[in-house]
Amino acid sequence: MKTAQFDRFAIEMTLTQAKSASHQGDCSDDAENLLRCPQISEQLRSIGPWAIRDELAEYGAWDASDLADDDANLVRIVWIAAGNIVEENQ
């Protein structure tokens, strides 16, 4: 397992999983597929929507109305986690 460390929490996934959601172009469908993995979805449930929202807010890429969509936030944080893991393991 590889770990993406954020300020408030960490997300673990395999390097293969991370590579599946970190590539050129739109990775949102791939990140959504990772959300179906019990190991990943359980981690996100334990983190909770507020911590994920607060973490994403620090990126400055989404406004308050964007961040109110918790389902979209899950995709965003998994996509970022996957990218961080791939980048750290090149």
N, C-alpha and C. Protein backbone atom coordinates (compact mmCIF):
# COMPACT_ATOMS: atom_id res chain seq x y z
N MET A 1 0.84 -1.18 0.00
CA MET A 1 0.00 0.00 0.00
C MET A 1 0.88 1.25 0.00
N LYS A 2 0.41 2.25 -0.67
CA LYS A 2 1.07 3.55 -0.72
C LYS A 2 0.15 4.55 -0.04
N THR A 3 0.74 5.62 0.46
CA THR A 3 -0.03 6.60 1.23
C THR A 3 0.09 7.98 0.63
N ALA A 4 -1.05 8.65 0.50
CA ALA A 4 -1.10 10.07 0.16
C ALA A 4 -1.37 10.81 1.46
N GLN A 5 -0.42 11.61 1.89
CA GLN A 5 -0.54 12.32 3.16
C GLN A 5 -1.08 13.73 2.91
N PHE A 6 -2.16 14.06 3.58
CA PHE A 6 -2.74 15.40 3.52
C PHE A 6 -2.53 16.05 4.88
N ASP A 7 -2.94 17.29 5.04
CA ASP A 7 -2.78 17.97 6.33
C ASP A 7 -3.65 17.35 7.41
N ARG A 8 -4.85 16.89 7.07
CA ARG A 8 -5.81 16.42 8.06
C ARG A 8 -5.97 14.90 8.13
N PHE A 9 -5.48 14.19 7.13
CA PHE A 9 -5.68 12.74 7.05
C PHE A 9 -4.75 12.17 5.99
N ALA A 10 -4.78 10.86 5.86
CA ALA A 10 -4.03 10.15 4.83
C ALA A 10 -4.97 9.19 4.13
N ILE A 11 -4.67 8.90 2.88
CA ILE A 11 -5.45 7.93 2.11
C ILE A 11 -4.47 6.91 1.54
N GLU A 12 -4.79 5.64 1.75
CA GLU A 12 -3.94 4.56 1.25
C GLU A 12 -4.60 3.86 0.08
N MET A 13 -3.77 3.49 -0.90
CA MET A 13 -4.21 2.66 -2.02
C MET A 13 -2.97 2.02 -2.62
N THR A 14 -3.17 1.05 -3.47
CA THR A 14 -2.02 0.43 -4.12
C THR A 14 -1.52 1.36 -5.22
N LEU A 15 -0.29 1.14 -5.63
CA LEU A 15 0.27 1.93 -6.72
C LEU A 15 -0.53 1.69 -8.00
N THR A 16 -0.96 0.47 -8.22
CA THR A 16 -1.78 0.15 -9.40
C THR A 16 -3.08 0.94 -9.37
N GLN A 17 -3.73 1.01 -8.21
CA GLN A 17 -4.95 1.80 -8.09
C GLN A 17 -4.66 3.27 -8.37
N ALA A 18 -3.58 3.77 -7.80
CA ALA A 18 -3.23 5.18 -8.00
C ALA A 18 -2.98 5.47 -9.48
N LYS A 19 -2.26 4.59 -10.14
CA LYS A 19 -1.97 4.81 -11.57
C LYS A 19 -3.24 4.78 -12.41
N SER A 20 -4.23 4.02 -11.97
CA SER A 20 -5.48 3.94 -12.74
C SER A 20 -6.23 5.27 -12.72
N ALA A 21 -5.99 6.11 -11.72
CA ALA A 21 -6.71 7.39 -11.60
C ALA A 21 -5.77 8.58 -11.66
N SER A 22 -4.60 8.37 -12.24
CA SER A 22 -3.65 9.47 -12.40
C SER A 22 -2.95 9.31 -13.75
N HIS A 23 -3.49 9.97 -14.72
CA HIS A 23 -2.96 9.91 -16.08
C HIS A 23 -3.36 11.18 -16.80
N GLN A 24 -2.91 11.33 -18.01
CA GLN A 24 -3.27 12.51 -18.77
C GLN A 24 -4.77 12.53 -19.03
N GLY A 25 -5.35 13.69 -18.99
CA GLY A 25 -6.77 13.83 -19.28
C GLY A 25 -7.64 13.73 -18.03
N ASP A 26 -8.92 13.62 -18.26
CA ASP A 26 -9.91 13.57 -17.18
C ASP A 26 -9.86 12.21 -16.48
N CYS A 27 -9.62 12.23 -15.19
CA CYS A 27 -9.54 10.99 -14.39
C CYS A 27 -10.76 10.81 -13.50
N SER A 28 -11.78 11.62 -13.67
CA SER A 28 -12.91 11.57 -12.75
C SER A 28 -13.62 10.21 -12.78
N ASP A 29 -13.82 9.62 -13.95
CA ASP A 29 -14.45 8.30 -14.01
C ASP A 29 -13.59 7.25 -13.31
N ASP A 30 -12.28 7.35 -13.47
CA ASP A 30 -11.37 6.40 -12.84
C ASP A 30 -11.37 6.58 -11.32
N ALA A 31 -11.43 7.82 -10.87
CA ALA A 31 -11.50 8.07 -9.43
C ALA A 31 -12.83 7.54 -8.87
N GLU A 32 -13.91 7.72 -9.63
CA GLU A 32 -15.21 7.16 -9.20
C GLU A 32 -15.14 5.65 -9.08
N ASN A 33 -14.44 5.00 -9.99
CA ASN A 33 -14.29 3.55 -9.92
C ASN A 33 -13.55 3.15 -8.64
N LEU A 34 -12.55 3.92 -8.24
CA LEU A 34 -11.83 3.62 -7.01
C LEU A 34 -12.72 3.77 -5.78
N LEU A 35 -13.70 4.64 -5.87
CA LEU A 35 -14.64 4.82 -4.74
C LEU A 35 -15.47 3.57 -4.48
N ARG A 36 -15.53 2.69 -5.46
CA ARG A 36 -16.27 1.43 -5.28
C ARG A 36 -15.44 0.37 -4.56
N CYS A 37 -14.16 0.63 -4.37
CA CYS A 37 -13.29 -0.31 -3.64
C CYS A 37 -13.57 -0.14 -2.14
N PRO A 38 -13.97 -1.22 -1.48
CA PRO A 38 -14.31 -1.11 -0.05
C PRO A 38 -13.19 -0.50 0.79
N GLN A 39 -11.97 -0.85 0.51
CA GLN A 39 -10.84 -0.35 1.31
C GLN A 39 -10.73 1.18 1.20
N ILE A 40 -10.99 1.71 0.04
CA ILE A 40 -10.91 3.16 -0.15
C ILE A 40 -12.16 3.84 0.40
N SER A 41 -13.33 3.31 0.10
CA SER A 41 -14.56 3.94 0.58
C SER A 41 -14.65 3.94 2.10
N GLU A 42 -14.15 2.90 2.75
CA GLU A 42 -14.15 2.86 4.21
C GLU A 42 -13.25 3.95 4.80
N GLN A 43 -12.10 4.16 4.17
CA GLN A 43 -11.21 5.22 4.65
C GLN A 43 -11.90 6.58 4.55
N LEU A 44 -12.54 6.83 3.44
CA LEU A 44 -13.19 8.12 3.22
C LEU A 44 -14.35 8.33 4.18
N ARG A 45 -15.10 7.26 4.46
CA ARG A 45 -16.19 7.38 5.44
C ARG A 45 -15.63 7.74 6.81
N SER A 46 -14.50 7.14 7.18
CA SER A 46 -13.93 7.42 8.50
C SER A 46 -13.35 8.84 8.56
N ILE A 47 -12.92 9.37 7.45
CA ILE A 47 -12.40 10.74 7.41
C ILE A 47 -13.55 11.74 7.57
N GLY A 48 -14.62 11.49 6.84
CA GLY A 48 -15.80 12.35 6.93
C GLY A 48 -15.78 13.51 5.95
N PRO A 49 -16.97 13.98 5.58
CA PRO A 49 -17.08 15.01 4.54
C PRO A 49 -16.50 16.37 4.94
N TRP A 50 -16.56 16.72 6.22
CA TRP A 50 -16.06 18.05 6.61
C TRP A 50 -14.55 18.14 6.49
N ALA A 51 -13.85 17.11 6.91
CA ALA A 51 -12.38 17.14 6.80
C ALA A 51 -11.95 17.16 5.33
N ILE A 52 -12.66 16.42 4.49
CA ILE A 52 -12.35 16.42 3.06
C ILE A 52 -12.64 17.79 2.47
N ARG A 53 -13.76 18.37 2.82
CA ARG A 53 -14.13 19.70 2.33
C ARG A 53 -13.10 20.74 2.76
N ASP A 54 -12.69 20.70 4.03
CA ASP A 54 -11.70 21.66 4.53
C ASP A 54 -10.37 21.49 3.81
N GLU A 55 -9.98 20.24 3.58
CA GLU A 55 -8.72 19.97 2.87
C GLU A 55 -8.77 20.54 1.45
N LEU A 56 -9.84 20.25 0.75
CA LEU A 56 -9.98 20.73 -0.63
C LEU A 56 -10.06 22.25 -0.70
N ALA A 57 -10.66 22.88 0.30
CA ALA A 57 -10.78 24.34 0.31
C ALA A 57 -9.41 25.00 0.26
N GLU A 58 -8.42 24.36 0.86
CA GLU A 58 -7.07 24.94 0.87
C GLU A 58 -6.42 24.98 -0.50
N TYR A 59 -6.92 24.17 -1.43
CA TYR A 59 -6.37 24.18 -2.79
C TYR A 59 -6.77 25.44 -3.54
N GLY A 60 -7.88 26.05 -3.13
CA GLY A 60 -8.34 27.28 -3.77
C GLY A 60 -8.91 27.09 -5.16
N ALA A 61 -9.17 25.86 -5.56
CA ALA A 61 -9.65 25.58 -6.91
C ALA A 61 -11.17 25.52 -6.99
N TRP A 62 -11.83 25.44 -5.84
CA TRP A 62 -13.28 25.30 -5.81
C TRP A 62 -13.87 26.32 -4.85
N ASP A 63 -15.04 26.86 -5.21
CA ASP A 63 -15.70 27.80 -4.31
C ASP A 63 -16.61 27.03 -3.35
N ALA A 64 -17.25 27.75 -2.46
CA ALA A 64 -18.08 27.13 -1.42
C ALA A 64 -19.21 26.29 -2.00
N SER A 65 -19.82 26.75 -3.09
CA SER A 65 -20.91 25.97 -3.68
C SER A 65 -20.38 24.68 -4.30
N ASP A 66 -19.19 24.72 -4.91
CA ASP A 66 -18.58 23.49 -5.43
C ASP A 66 -18.31 22.51 -4.29
N LEU A 67 -17.75 23.02 -3.20
CA LEU A 67 -17.36 22.17 -2.09
C LEU A 67 -18.55 21.64 -1.29
N ALA A 68 -19.74 22.16 -1.54
CA ALA A 68 -20.94 21.65 -0.87
C ALA A 68 -21.37 20.29 -1.42
N ASP A 69 -20.81 19.91 -2.56
CA ASP A 69 -21.14 18.63 -3.20
C ASP A 69 -20.18 17.55 -2.68
N ASP A 70 -20.61 16.83 -1.65
CA ASP A 70 -19.75 15.84 -1.01
C ASP A 70 -19.36 14.69 -1.95
N ASP A 71 -20.26 14.29 -2.84
CA ASP A 71 -19.92 13.22 -3.78
C ASP A 71 -18.81 13.66 -4.72
N ALA A 72 -18.89 14.88 -5.21
CA ALA A 72 -17.84 15.41 -6.08
C ALA A 72 -16.53 15.55 -5.30
N ASN A 73 -16.63 15.91 -4.03
CA ASN A 73 -15.42 16.04 -3.20
C ASN A 73 -14.70 14.70 -3.05
N LEU A 74 -15.46 13.62 -2.95
CA LEU A 74 -14.83 12.30 -2.85
C LEU A 74 -14.02 11.99 -4.11
N VAL A 75 -14.59 12.30 -5.25
CA VAL A 75 -13.88 12.09 -6.52
C VAL A 75 -12.63 12.98 -6.55
N ARG A 76 -12.77 14.23 -6.16
CA ARG A 76 -11.63 15.15 -6.16
C ARG A 76 -10.50 14.66 -5.28
N ILE A 77 -10.82 14.23 -4.06
CA ILE A 77 -9.77 13.86 -3.12
C ILE A 77 -9.09 12.56 -3.53
N VAL A 78 -9.85 11.63 -4.11
CA VAL A 78 -9.25 10.38 -4.59
C VAL A 78 -8.34 10.67 -5.78
N TRP A 79 -8.77 11.54 -6.66
CA TRP A 79 -7.97 11.91 -7.83
C TRP A 79 -6.66 12.56 -7.36
N ILE A 80 -6.73 13.46 -6.41
CA ILE A 80 -5.54 14.11 -5.89
C ILE A 80 -4.65 13.10 -5.18
N ALA A 81 -5.24 12.23 -4.38
CA ALA A 81 -4.46 11.21 -3.67
C ALA A 81 -3.73 10.31 -4.66
N ALA A 82 -4.43 9.89 -5.69
CA ALA A 82 -3.82 9.04 -6.71
C ALA A 82 -2.64 9.75 -7.37
N GLY A 83 -2.84 11.00 -7.72
CA GLY A 83 -1.76 11.77 -8.34
C GLY A 83 -0.56 11.93 -7.43
N ASN A 84 -0.82 12.20 -6.15
CA ASN A 84 0.28 12.34 -5.19
C ASN A 84 1.07 11.04 -5.06
N ILE A 85 0.37 9.92 -5.00
CA ILE A 85 1.04 8.64 -4.86
C ILE A 85 1.88 8.32 -6.09
N VAL A 86 1.32 8.53 -7.25
CA VAL A 86 2.07 8.26 -8.49
C VAL A 86 3.30 9.16 -8.57
N GLU A 87 3.12 10.43 -8.27
CA GLU A 87 4.25 11.37 -8.31
C GLU A 87 5.36 10.98 -7.34
N GLU A 88 4.99 10.54 -6.15
CA GLU A 88 5.97 10.18 -5.14
C GLU A 88 6.66 8.84 -5.43
N ASN A 89 6.11 8.06 -6.33
CA ASN A 89 6.65 6.72 -6.61
C ASN A 89 7.17 6.58 -8.02
N GLN A 90 7.63 7.66 -8.60
CA GLN A 90 8.21 7.58 -9.95
C GLN A 90 9.69 7.36 -9.87
